[in-house]
């Protein structure tokens, strides 16, 4: 994969919201897309996680914190913390980085 758009297309064809495109010994990365009014059903991860909002708008709830998710935002979720995106008003496209690599990736 050479672009986020290619990753999104690959995921859509496979019926997946998340498409991993990088895995090395210290981290993994992928692209995650949620539709307008979509329900984010992800479970807490064993890894620290950084989201970069490529496009779209919504909210991120993690632990006791709720924050906007808008283009250009960088959002951090520590390992094992429950979190989910909600109130998605524009398709949310996120670059996701896990460190260490996601176990289920």
PDB file of N, CA and C in Angstrom:
ATOM      1  N   UNK A   1       0.848  -1.175   0.000  1.00  0.00           N
ATOM      2  CA  UNK A   1       0.000   0.000   0.000  1.00  0.00           C
ATOM      3  C   UNK A   1       0.886   1.228   0.000  1.00  0.00           C
ATOM      4  N   UNK A   2       0.565   2.175  -0.866  1.00  0.00           N
ATOM      5  CA  UNK A   2       1.395   3.378  -0.925  1.00  0.00           C
ATOM      6  C   UNK A   2       0.639   4.636  -0.518  1.00  0.00           C
ATOM      7  N   UNK A   3      -0.661   4.525  -0.228  1.00  0.00           N
ATOM      8  CA  UNK A   3      -1.410   5.706   0.195  1.00  0.00           C
ATOM      9  C   UNK A   3      -2.550   5.304   1.131  1.00  0.00           C
ATOM     10  N   UNK A   4      -3.020   6.273   1.889  1.00  0.00           N
ATOM     11  CA  UNK A   4      -4.158   6.033   2.767  1.00  0.00           C
ATOM     12  C   UNK A   4      -5.376   5.635   1.945  1.00  0.00           C
ATOM     13  N   UNK A   5      -5.573   6.284   0.819  1.00  0.00           N
ATOM     14  CA  UNK A   5      -6.728   5.963  -0.030  1.00  0.00           C
ATOM     15  C   UNK A   5      -6.681   4.507  -0.507  1.00  0.00           C
ATOM     16  N   UNK A   6      -5.489   4.011  -0.853  1.00  0.00           N
ATOM     17  CA  UNK A   6      -5.364   2.606  -1.256  1.00  0.00           C
ATOM     18  C   UNK A   6      -5.713   1.682  -0.086  1.00  0.00           C
ATOM     19  N   UNK A   7      -5.286   2.048   1.105  1.00  0.00           N
ATOM     20  CA  UNK A   7      -5.626   1.265   2.287  1.00  0.00           C
ATOM     21  C   UNK A   7      -7.110   1.239   2.545  1.00  0.00           C
ATOM     22  N   UNK A   8      -7.765   2.394   2.401  1.00  0.00           N
ATOM     23  CA  UNK A   8      -9.215   2.466   2.580  1.00  0.00           C
ATOM     24  C   UNK A   8      -9.929   1.579   1.560  1.00  0.00           C
ATOM     25  N   UNK A   9      -9.502   1.659   0.312  1.00  0.00           N
ATOM     26  CA  UNK A   9     -10.136   0.862  -0.740  1.00  0.00           C
ATOM     27  C   UNK A   9      -9.941  -0.629  -0.487  1.00  0.00           C
ATOM     28  N   UNK A  10      -8.740  -1.014  -0.077  1.00  0.00           N
ATOM     29  CA  UNK A  10      -8.466  -2.413   0.244  1.00  0.00           C
ATOM     30  C   UNK A  10      -9.375  -2.886   1.380  1.00  0.00           C
ATOM     31  N   UNK A  11      -9.518  -2.079   2.405  1.00  0.00           N
ATOM     32  CA  UNK A  11     -10.388  -2.426   3.527  1.00  0.00           C
ATOM     33  C   UNK A  11     -11.843  -2.539   3.119  1.00  0.00           C
ATOM     34  N   UNK A  12     -12.305  -1.586   2.313  1.00  0.00           N
ATOM     35  CA  UNK A  12     -13.701  -1.621   1.866  1.00  0.00           C
ATOM     36  C   UNK A  12     -13.991  -2.881   1.064  1.00  0.00           C
ATOM     37  N   UNK A  13     -13.070  -3.246   0.165  1.00  0.00           N
ATOM     38  CA  UNK A  13     -13.258  -4.459  -0.644  1.00  0.00           C
ATOM     39  C   UNK A  13     -13.306  -5.710   0.227  1.00  0.00           C
ATOM     40  N   UNK A  14     -12.568  -5.685   1.334  1.00  0.00           N
ATOM     41  CA  UNK A  14     -12.530  -6.836   2.241  1.00  0.00           C
ATOM     42  C   UNK A  14     -13.613  -6.754   3.316  1.00  0.00           C
ATOM     43  N   UNK A  15     -14.406  -5.671   3.303  1.00  0.00           N
ATOM     44  CA  UNK A  15     -15.459  -5.507   4.299  1.00  0.00           C
ATOM     45  C   UNK A  15     -14.923  -5.178   5.681  1.00  0.00           C
ATOM     46  N   UNK A  16     -13.748  -4.535   5.735  1.00  0.00           N
ATOM     47  CA  UNK A  16     -13.118  -4.211   7.013  1.00  0.00           C
ATOM     48  C   UNK A  16     -13.008  -2.707   7.197  1.00  0.00           C
ATOM     49  N   UNK A  17     -13.064  -2.279   8.457  1.00  0.00           N
ATOM     50  CA  UNK A  17     -12.879  -0.864   8.782  1.00  0.00           C
ATOM     51  C   UNK A  17     -11.416  -0.525   9.021  1.00  0.00           C
ATOM     52  N   UNK A  18     -10.615  -1.532   9.417  1.00  0.00           N
ATOM     53  CA  UNK A  18      -9.204  -1.303   9.715  1.00  0.00           C
ATOM     54  C   UNK A  18      -8.342  -2.122   8.772  1.00  0.00           C
ATOM     55  N   UNK A  19      -7.332  -1.474   8.185  1.00  0.00           N
ATOM     56  CA  UNK A  19      -6.390  -2.142   7.295  1.00  0.00           C
ATOM     57  C   UNK A  19      -4.978  -1.809   7.753  1.00  0.00           C
ATOM     58  N   UNK A  20      -4.263  -2.823   8.182  1.00  0.00           N
ATOM     59  CA  UNK A  20      -2.863  -2.625   8.584  1.00  0.00           C
ATOM     60  C   UNK A  20      -1.996  -2.498   7.345  1.00  0.00           C
ATOM     61  N   UNK A  21      -1.010  -1.567   7.371  1.00  0.00           N
ATOM     62  CA  UNK A  21      -0.108  -1.438   6.237  1.00  0.00           C
ATOM     63  C   UNK A  21       1.356  -1.438   6.634  1.00  0.00           C
ATOM     64  N   UNK A  22       1.646  -1.485   7.943  1.00  0.00           N
ATOM     65  CA  UNK A  22       3.031  -1.508   8.391  1.00  0.00           C
ATOM     66  C   UNK A  22       3.137  -2.340   9.654  1.00  0.00           C
ATOM     67  N   UNK A  23       4.146  -3.213   9.694  1.00  0.00           N
ATOM     68  CA  UNK A  23       4.419  -3.998  10.898  1.00  0.00           C
ATOM     69  C   UNK A  23       5.923  -4.197  10.980  1.00  0.00           C
ATOM     70  N   UNK A  24       6.510  -3.678  12.053  1.00  0.00           N
ATOM     71  CA  UNK A  24       7.930  -3.884  12.357  1.00  0.00           C
ATOM     72  C   UNK A  24       8.016  -4.307  13.820  1.00  0.00           C
ATOM     73  N   UNK A  25       9.212  -4.555  14.305  1.00  0.00           N
ATOM     74  CA  UNK A  25       9.349  -5.094  15.659  1.00  0.00           C
ATOM     75  C   UNK A  25       8.870  -4.153  16.757  1.00  0.00           C
ATOM     76  N   UNK A  26       8.832  -2.850  16.513  1.00  0.00           N
ATOM     77  CA  UNK A  26       8.498  -1.884  17.563  1.00  0.00           C
ATOM     78  C   UNK A  26       7.129  -1.229  17.433  1.00  0.00           C
ATOM     79  N   UNK A  27       6.466  -1.406  16.277  1.00  0.00           N
ATOM     80  CA  UNK A  27       5.163  -0.770  16.089  1.00  0.00           C
ATOM     81  C   UNK A  27       4.439  -1.381  14.907  1.00  0.00           C
ATOM     82  N   UNK A  28       3.143  -1.057  14.822  1.00  0.00           N
ATOM     83  CA  UNK A  28       2.356  -1.383  13.631  1.00  0.00           C
ATOM     84  C   UNK A  28       1.479  -0.173  13.330  1.00  0.00           C
ATOM     85  N   UNK A  29       1.030  -0.075  12.085  1.00  0.00           N
ATOM     86  CA  UNK A  29       0.212   1.076  11.687  1.00  0.00           C
ATOM     87  C   UNK A  29      -0.795   0.653  10.639  1.00  0.00           C
ATOM     88  N   UNK A  30      -1.889   1.415  10.593  1.00  0.00           N
ATOM     89  CA  UNK A  30      -2.918   1.132   9.613  1.00  0.00           C
ATOM     90  C   UNK A  30      -3.863   2.303   9.476  1.00  0.00           C
ATOM     91  N   UNK A  31      -4.895   2.101   8.697  1.00  0.00           N
ATOM     92  CA  UNK A  31      -5.916   3.122   8.482  1.00  0.00           C
ATOM     93  C   UNK A  31      -7.253   2.546   8.950  1.00  0.00           C
ATOM     94  N   UNK A  32      -8.019   3.395   9.651  1.00  0.00           N
ATOM     95  CA  UNK A  32      -9.297   2.989  10.241  1.00  0.00           C
ATOM     96  C   UNK A  32     -10.342   3.984   9.769  1.00  0.00           C
ATOM     97  N   UNK A  33     -11.474   3.496   9.283  1.00  0.00           N
ATOM     98  CA  UNK A  33     -12.539   4.370   8.790  1.00  0.00           C
ATOM     99  C   UNK A  33     -13.861   4.007   9.444  1.00  0.00           C
ATOM    100  N   UNK A  34     -14.582   5.030   9.872  1.00  0.00           N
ATOM    101  CA  UNK A  34     -15.912   4.864  10.460  1.00  0.00           C
ATOM    102  C   UNK A  34     -16.889   5.757   9.704  1.00  0.00           C
ATOM    103  N   UNK A  35     -18.042   5.210   9.308  1.00  0.00           N
ATOM    104  CA  UNK A  35     -19.018   5.993   8.545  1.00  0.00           C
ATOM    105  C   UNK A  35     -19.786   6.977   9.429  1.00  0.00           C
ATOM    106  N   UNK A  36     -20.463   7.897   8.791  1.00  0.00           N
ATOM    107  CA  UNK A  36     -21.350   8.822   9.509  1.00  0.00           C
ATOM    108  C   UNK A  36     -22.298   8.003  10.382  1.00  0.00           C
ATOM    109  N   UNK A  37     -22.423   8.405  11.637  1.00  0.00           N
ATOM    110  CA  UNK A  37     -23.280   7.745  12.630  1.00  0.00           C
ATOM    111  C   UNK A  37     -22.860   6.302  12.920  1.00  0.00           C
ATOM    112  N   UNK A  38     -21.644   5.932  12.513  1.00  0.00           N
ATOM    113  CA  UNK A  38     -21.160   4.576  12.730  1.00  0.00           C
ATOM    114  C   UNK A  38     -20.971   4.257  14.206  1.00  0.00           C
ATOM    115  N   UNK A  39     -20.971   2.959  14.506  1.00  0.00           N
ATOM    116  CA  UNK A  39     -20.756   2.481  15.864  1.00  0.00           C
ATOM    117  C   UNK A  39     -19.371   1.845  15.922  1.00  0.00           C
ATOM    118  N   UNK A  40     -18.538   2.369  16.789  1.00  0.00           N
ATOM    119  CA  UNK A  40     -17.175   1.879  16.973  1.00  0.00           C
ATOM    120  C   UNK A  40     -17.207   0.808  18.058  1.00  0.00           C
ATOM    121  N   UNK A  41     -16.964  -0.433  17.680  1.00  0.00           N
ATOM    122  CA  UNK A  41     -17.085  -1.546  18.612  1.00  0.00           C
ATOM    123  C   UNK A  41     -15.736  -2.071  19.099  1.00  0.00           C
ATOM    124  N   UNK A  42     -14.674  -1.319  18.858  1.00  0.00           N
ATOM    125  CA  UNK A  42     -13.362  -1.830  19.267  1.00  0.00           C
ATOM    126  C   UNK A  42     -13.262  -2.008  20.779  1.00  0.00           C
ATOM    127  N   UNK A  43     -12.422  -2.945  21.170  1.00  0.00           N
ATOM    128  CA  UNK A  43     -12.157  -3.248  22.571  1.00  0.00           C
ATOM    129  C   UNK A  43     -10.798  -2.666  22.951  1.00  0.00           C
ATOM    130  N   UNK A  44     -10.520  -2.510  24.245  1.00  0.00           N
ATOM    131  CA  UNK A  44      -9.205  -2.003  24.655  1.00  0.00           C
ATOM    132  C   UNK A  44      -8.082  -2.867  24.075  1.00  0.00           C
ATOM    133  N   UNK A  45      -6.985  -2.210  23.735  1.00  0.00           N
ATOM    134  CA  UNK A  45      -5.827  -2.885  23.158  1.00  0.00           C
ATOM    135  C   UNK A  45      -4.744  -3.051  24.226  1.00  0.00           C
ATOM    136  N   UNK A  46      -3.860  -3.994  24.006  1.00  0.00           N
ATOM    137  CA  UNK A  46      -2.732  -4.216  24.915  1.00  0.00           C
ATOM    138  C   UNK A  46      -1.603  -3.230  24.651  1.00  0.00           C
ATOM    139  N   UNK A  47      -1.749  -2.413  23.613  1.00  0.00           N
ATOM    140  CA  UNK A  47      -0.695  -1.515  23.169  1.00  0.00           C
ATOM    141  C   UNK A  47      -1.125  -0.054  23.312  1.00  0.00           C
ATOM    142  N   UNK A  48      -0.150   0.843  23.485  1.00  0.00           N
ATOM    143  CA  UNK A  48      -0.441   2.271  23.374  1.00  0.00           C
ATOM    144  C   UNK A  48      -0.864   2.540  21.931  1.00  0.00           C
ATOM    145  N   UNK A  49      -1.698   3.564  21.764  1.00  0.00           N
ATOM    146  CA  UNK A  49      -2.260   3.833  20.434  1.00  0.00           C
ATOM    147  C   UNK A  49      -2.310   5.335  20.177  1.00  0.00           C
ATOM    148  N   UNK A  50      -1.902   5.719  18.974  1.00  0.00           N
ATOM    149  CA  UNK A  50      -1.996   7.107  18.541  1.00  0.00           C
ATOM    150  C   UNK A  50      -2.871   7.137  17.294  1.00  0.00           C
ATOM    151  N   UNK A  51      -3.839   8.053  17.296  1.00  0.00           N
ATOM    152  CA  UNK A  51      -4.688   8.287  16.124  1.00  0.00           C
ATOM    153  C   UNK A  51      -4.353   9.653  15.553  1.00  0.00           C
ATOM    154  N   UNK A  52      -4.218   9.731  14.239  1.00  0.00           N
ATOM    155  CA  UNK A  52      -4.123  11.010  13.543  1.00  0.00           C
ATOM    156  C   UNK A  52      -5.368  11.110  12.672  1.00  0.00           C
ATOM    157  N   UNK A  53      -6.155  12.173  12.866  1.00  0.00           N
ATOM    158  CA  UNK A  53      -7.396  12.330  12.107  1.00  0.00           C
ATOM    159  C   UNK A  53      -7.063  12.914  10.732  1.00  0.00           C
ATOM    160  N   UNK A  54      -7.208  12.086   9.709  1.00  0.00           N
ATOM    161  CA  UNK A  54      -6.945  12.506   8.325  1.00  0.00           C
ATOM    162  C   UNK A  54      -8.089  13.380   7.827  1.00  0.00           C
ATOM    163  N   UNK A  55      -9.311  12.900   8.053  1.00  0.00           N
ATOM    164  CA  UNK A  55     -10.489  13.683   7.667  1.00  0.00           C
ATOM    165  C   UNK A  55     -11.700  13.180   8.443  1.00  0.00           C
ATOM    166  N   UNK A  56     -12.743  13.986   8.435  1.00  0.00           N
ATOM    167  CA  UNK A  56     -13.974  13.636   9.118  1.00  0.00           C
ATOM    168  C   UNK A  56     -14.093  14.323  10.465  1.00  0.00           C
ATOM    169  N   UNK A  57     -15.232  14.073  11.118  1.00  0.00           N
ATOM    170  CA  UNK A  57     -15.492  14.684  12.423  1.00  0.00           C
ATOM    171  C   UNK A  57     -16.281  13.721  13.293  1.00  0.00           C
ATOM    172  N   UNK A  58     -15.917  13.714  14.555  1.00  0.00           N
ATOM    173  CA  UNK A  58     -16.601  12.889  15.543  1.00  0.00           C
ATOM    174  C   UNK A  58     -16.045  13.217  16.914  1.00  0.00           C
ATOM    175  N   UNK A  59     -16.247  12.299  17.845  1.00  0.00           N
ATOM    176  CA  UNK A  59     -15.766  12.459  19.224  1.00  0.00           C
ATOM    177  C   UNK A  59     -15.084  11.155  19.634  1.00  0.00           C
ATOM    178  N   UNK A  60     -14.109  11.281  20.523  1.00  0.00           N
ATOM    179  CA  UNK A  60     -13.428  10.120  21.090  1.00  0.00           C
ATOM    180  C   UNK A  60     -13.645  10.124  22.591  1.00  0.00           C
ATOM    181  N   UNK A  61     -14.158   9.019  23.114  1.00  0.00           N
ATOM    182  CA  UNK A  61     -14.287   8.819  24.549  1.00  0.00           C
ATOM    183  C   UNK A  61     -13.214   7.819  24.953  1.00  0.00           C
ATOM    184  N   UNK A  62     -12.354   8.199  25.898  1.00  0.00           N
ATOM    185  CA  UNK A  62     -11.366   7.252  26.426  1.00  0.00           C
ATOM    186  C   UNK A  62     -11.186   7.528  27.908  1.00  0.00           C
ATOM    187  N   UNK A  63     -11.392   6.472  28.690  1.00  0.00           N
ATOM    188  CA  UNK A  63     -11.383   6.655  30.138  1.00  0.00           C
ATOM    189  C   UNK A  63     -12.419   7.704  30.516  1.00  0.00           C
ATOM    190  N   UNK A  64     -12.032   8.679  31.316  1.00  0.00           N
ATOM    191  CA  UNK A  64     -12.925   9.765  31.727  1.00  0.00           C
ATOM    192  C   UNK A  64     -12.840  10.972  30.808  1.00  0.00           C
ATOM    193  N   UNK A  65     -12.107  10.852  29.720  1.00  0.00           N
ATOM    194  CA  UNK A  65     -11.868  11.975  28.814  1.00  0.00           C
ATOM    195  C   UNK A  65     -12.719  11.836  27.559  1.00  0.00           C
ATOM    196  N   UNK A  66     -13.343  12.935  27.151  1.00  0.00           N
ATOM    197  CA  UNK A  66     -14.027  12.986  25.862  1.00  0.00           C
ATOM    198  C   UNK A  66     -13.445  14.162  25.102  1.00  0.00           C
ATOM    199  N   UNK A  67     -13.103  13.938  23.832  1.00  0.00           N
ATOM    200  CA  UNK A  67     -12.519  15.021  23.055  1.00  0.00           C
ATOM    201  C   UNK A  67     -12.959  14.945  21.597  1.00  0.00           C
ATOM    202  N   UNK A  68     -12.841  16.086  20.942  1.00  0.00           N
ATOM    203  CA  UNK A  68     -13.179  16.170  19.529  1.00  0.00           C
ATOM    204  C   UNK A  68     -12.171  15.362  18.720  1.00  0.00           C
ATOM    205  N   UNK A  69     -12.624  14.845  17.596  1.00  0.00           N
ATOM    206  CA  UNK A  69     -11.771  14.184  16.617  1.00  0.00           C
ATOM    207  C   UNK A  69     -12.033  14.893  15.295  1.00  0.00           C
ATOM    208  N   UNK A  70     -11.107  15.791  14.935  1.00  0.00           N
ATOM    209  CA  UNK A  70     -11.259  16.626  13.738  1.00  0.00           C
ATOM    210  C   UNK A  70      -9.972  16.594  12.932  1.00  0.00           C
ATOM    211  N   UNK A  71     -10.035  16.931  11.638  1.00  0.00           N
ATOM    212  CA  UNK A  71      -8.840  16.854  10.795  1.00  0.00           C
ATOM    213  C   UNK A  71      -7.630  17.542  11.430  1.00  0.00           C
ATOM    214  N   UNK A  72      -6.519  16.806  11.426  1.00  0.00           N
ATOM    215  CA  UNK A  72      -5.277  17.315  11.977  1.00  0.00           C
ATOM    216  C   UNK A  72      -5.058  16.981  13.444  1.00  0.00           C
ATOM    217  N   UNK A  73      -6.089  16.491  14.146  1.00  0.00           N
ATOM    218  CA  UNK A  73      -5.939  16.158  15.559  1.00  0.00           C
ATOM    219  C   UNK A  73      -5.083  14.910  15.731  1.00  0.00           C
ATOM    220  N   UNK A  74      -4.286  14.919  16.796  1.00  0.00           N
ATOM    221  CA  UNK A  74      -3.488  13.776  17.199  1.00  0.00           C
ATOM    222  C   UNK A  74      -4.015  13.337  18.557  1.00  0.00           C
ATOM    223  N   UNK A  75      -4.488  12.096  18.648  1.00  0.00           N
ATOM    224  CA  UNK A  75      -5.161  11.599  19.847  1.00  0.00           C
ATOM    225  C   UNK A  75      -4.406  10.392  20.388  1.00  0.00           C
ATOM    226  N   UNK A  76      -4.172  10.358  21.692  1.00  0.00           N
ATOM    227  CA  UNK A  76      -3.443   9.255  22.327  1.00  0.00           C
ATOM    228  C   UNK A  76      -4.354   8.489  23.266  1.00  0.00           C
ATOM    229  N   UNK A  77      -4.280   7.152  23.197  1.00  0.00           N
ATOM    230  CA  UNK A  77      -5.014   6.280  24.108  1.00  0.00           C
ATOM    231  C   UNK A  77      -4.003   5.296  24.696  1.00  0.00           C
ATOM    232  N   UNK A  78      -3.834   5.309  26.029  1.00  0.00           N
ATOM    233  CA  UNK A  78      -2.889   4.370  26.633  1.00  0.00           C
ATOM    234  C   UNK A  78      -3.383   2.924  26.541  1.00  0.00           C
ATOM    235  N   UNK A  79      -2.443   2.015  26.606  1.00  0.00           N
ATOM    236  CA  UNK A  79      -2.753   0.582  26.556  1.00  0.00           C
ATOM    237  C   UNK A  79      -3.819   0.225  27.589  1.00  0.00           C
ATOM    238  N   UNK A  80      -4.715  -0.654  27.186  1.00  0.00           N
ATOM    239  CA  UNK A  80      -5.760  -1.246  28.031  1.00  0.00           C
ATOM    240  C   UNK A  80      -6.867  -0.278  28.452  1.00  0.00           C
ATOM    241  N   UNK A  81      -6.856   0.955  27.942  1.00  0.00           N
ATOM    242  CA  UNK A  81      -7.907   1.907  28.312  1.00  0.00           C
ATOM    243  C   UNK A  81      -9.113   1.745  27.374  1.00  0.00           C
ATOM    244  N   UNK A  82     -10.307   1.538  27.929  1.00  0.00           N
ATOM    245  CA  UNK A  82     -11.500   1.477  27.079  1.00  0.00           C
ATOM    246  C   UNK A  82     -11.657   2.779  26.293  1.00  0.00           C
ATOM    247  N   UNK A  83     -12.010   2.658  25.020  1.00  0.00           N
ATOM    248  CA  UNK A  83     -12.175   3.854  24.190  1.00  0.00           C
ATOM    249  C   UNK A  83     -13.049   3.522  22.984  1.00  0.00           C
ATOM    250  N   UNK A  84     -13.701   4.563  22.457  1.00  0.00           N
ATOM    251  CA  UNK A  84     -14.481   4.412  21.231  1.00  0.00           C
ATOM    252  C   UNK A  84     -14.784   5.789  20.641  1.00  0.00           C
ATOM    253  N   UNK A  85     -14.965   5.797  19.334  1.00  0.00           N
ATOM    254  CA  UNK A  85     -15.387   7.003  18.631  1.00  0.00           C
ATOM    255  C   UNK A  85     -16.906   7.000  18.559  1.00  0.00           C
ATOM    256  N   UNK A  86     -17.505   8.187  18.603  1.00  0.00           N
ATOM    257  CA  UNK A  86     -18.962   8.301  18.539  1.00  0.00           C
ATOM    258  C   UNK A  86     -19.329   9.670  17.957  1.00  0.00           C
ATOM    259  N   UNK A  87     -20.605   9.901  17.785  1.00  0.00           N
ATOM    260  CA  UNK A  87     -21.121  11.180  17.257  1.00  0.00           C
ATOM    261  C   UNK A  87     -20.407  11.574  15.966  1.00  0.00           C
ATOM    262  N   UNK A  88     -20.288  10.617  15.063  1.00  0.00           N
ATOM    263  CA  UNK A  88     -19.556  10.833  13.813  1.00  0.00           C
ATOM    264  C   UNK A  88     -20.473  11.541  12.815  1.00  0.00           C
ATOM    265  N   UNK A  89     -20.095  12.761  12.450  1.00  0.00           N
ATOM    266  CA  UNK A  89     -20.916  13.569  11.557  1.00  0.00           C
ATOM    267  C   UNK A  89     -20.381  13.608  10.127  1.00  0.00           C
ATOM    268  N   UNK A  90     -19.120  13.226   9.936  1.00  0.00           N
ATOM    269  CA  UNK A  90     -18.500  13.087   8.618  1.00  0.00           C
ATOM    270  C   UNK A  90     -17.637  11.838   8.677  1.00  0.00           C
ATOM    271  N   UNK A  91     -17.595  11.043   7.590  1.00  0.00           N
ATOM    272  CA  UNK A  91     -16.776   9.825   7.626  1.00  0.00           C
ATOM    273  C   UNK A  91     -15.439  10.125   8.288  1.00  0.00           C
ATOM    274  N   UNK A  92     -15.107   9.336   9.304  1.00  0.00           N
ATOM    275  CA  UNK A  92     -13.892   9.535  10.077  1.00  0.00           C
ATOM    276  C   UNK A  92     -12.810   8.600   9.543  1.00  0.00           C
ATOM    277  N   UNK A  93     -11.721   9.194   9.040  1.00  0.00           N
ATOM    278  CA  UNK A  93     -10.593   8.427   8.513  1.00  0.00           C
ATOM    279  C   UNK A  93      -9.395   8.726   9.405  1.00  0.00           C
ATOM    280  N   UNK A  94      -8.846   7.657   9.991  1.00  0.00           N
ATOM    281  CA  UNK A  94      -7.799   7.794  10.994  1.00  0.00           C
ATOM    282  C   UNK A  94      -6.563   6.986  10.613  1.00  0.00           C
ATOM    283  N   UNK A  95      -5.409   7.594  10.751  1.00  0.00           N
ATOM    284  CA  UNK A  95      -4.147   6.882  10.690  1.00  0.00           C
ATOM    285  C   UNK A  95      -3.894   6.392  12.114  1.00  0.00           C
ATOM    286  N   UNK A  96      -3.636   5.105  12.289  1.00  0.00           N
ATOM    287  CA  UNK A  96      -3.506   4.505  13.617  1.00  0.00           C
ATOM    288  C   UNK A  96      -2.112   3.902  13.758  1.00  0.00           C
ATOM    289  N   UNK A  97      -1.450   4.207  14.885  1.00  0.00           N
ATOM    290  CA  UNK A  97      -0.136   3.634  15.174  1.00  0.00           C
ATOM    291  C   UNK A  97      -0.201   2.959  16.536  1.00  0.00           C
ATOM    292  N   UNK A  98       0.204   1.688  16.580  1.00  0.00           N
ATOM    293  CA  UNK A  98       0.274   0.925  17.817  1.00  0.00           C
ATOM    294  C   UNK A  98       1.741   0.704  18.189  1.00  0.00           C
ATOM    295  N   UNK A  99       2.057   0.841  19.478  1.00  0.00           N
ATOM    296  CA  UNK A  99       3.411   0.531  19.943  1.00  0.00           C
ATOM    297  C   UNK A  99       3.304  -0.158  21.294  1.00  0.00           C
ATOM    298  N   UNK A 100       3.859  -1.362  21.407  1.00  0.00           N
ATOM    299  CA  UNK A 100       4.460  -2.187  20.363  1.00  0.00           C
ATOM    300  C   UNK A 100       3.412  -2.616  19.344  1.00  0.00           C
ATOM    301  N   UNK A 101       3.770  -3.435  18.341  1.00  0.00           N
ATOM    302  CA  UNK A 101       2.811  -3.829  17.304  1.00  0.00           C
ATOM    303  C   UNK A 101       1.550  -4.438  17.902  1.00  0.00           C
ATOM    304  N   UNK A 102       0.430  -4.143  17.286  1.00  0.00           N
ATOM    305  CA  UNK A 102      -0.849  -4.706  17.727  1.00  0.00           C
ATOM    306  C   UNK A 102      -0.788  -6.233  17.637  1.00  0.00           C
ATOM    307  N   UNK A 103      -1.206  -6.907  18.677  1.00  0.00           N
ATOM    308  CA  UNK A 103      -1.161  -8.383  18.701  1.00  0.00           C
ATOM    309  C   UNK A 103      -2.128  -8.998  17.708  1.00  0.00           C
ATOM    310  N   UNK A 104      -3.300  -8.364  17.540  1.00  0.00           N
ATOM    311  CA  UNK A 104      -4.339  -8.934  16.668  1.00  0.00           C
ATOM    312  C   UNK A 104      -4.258  -8.422  15.239  1.00  0.00           C
ATOM    313  N   UNK A 105      -3.221  -7.663  14.899  1.00  0.00           N
ATOM    314  CA  UNK A 105      -3.127  -7.014  13.588  1.00  0.00           C
ATOM    315  C   UNK A 105      -2.950  -7.885  12.495  1.00  0.00           C
TER     316      UNK A 105
END
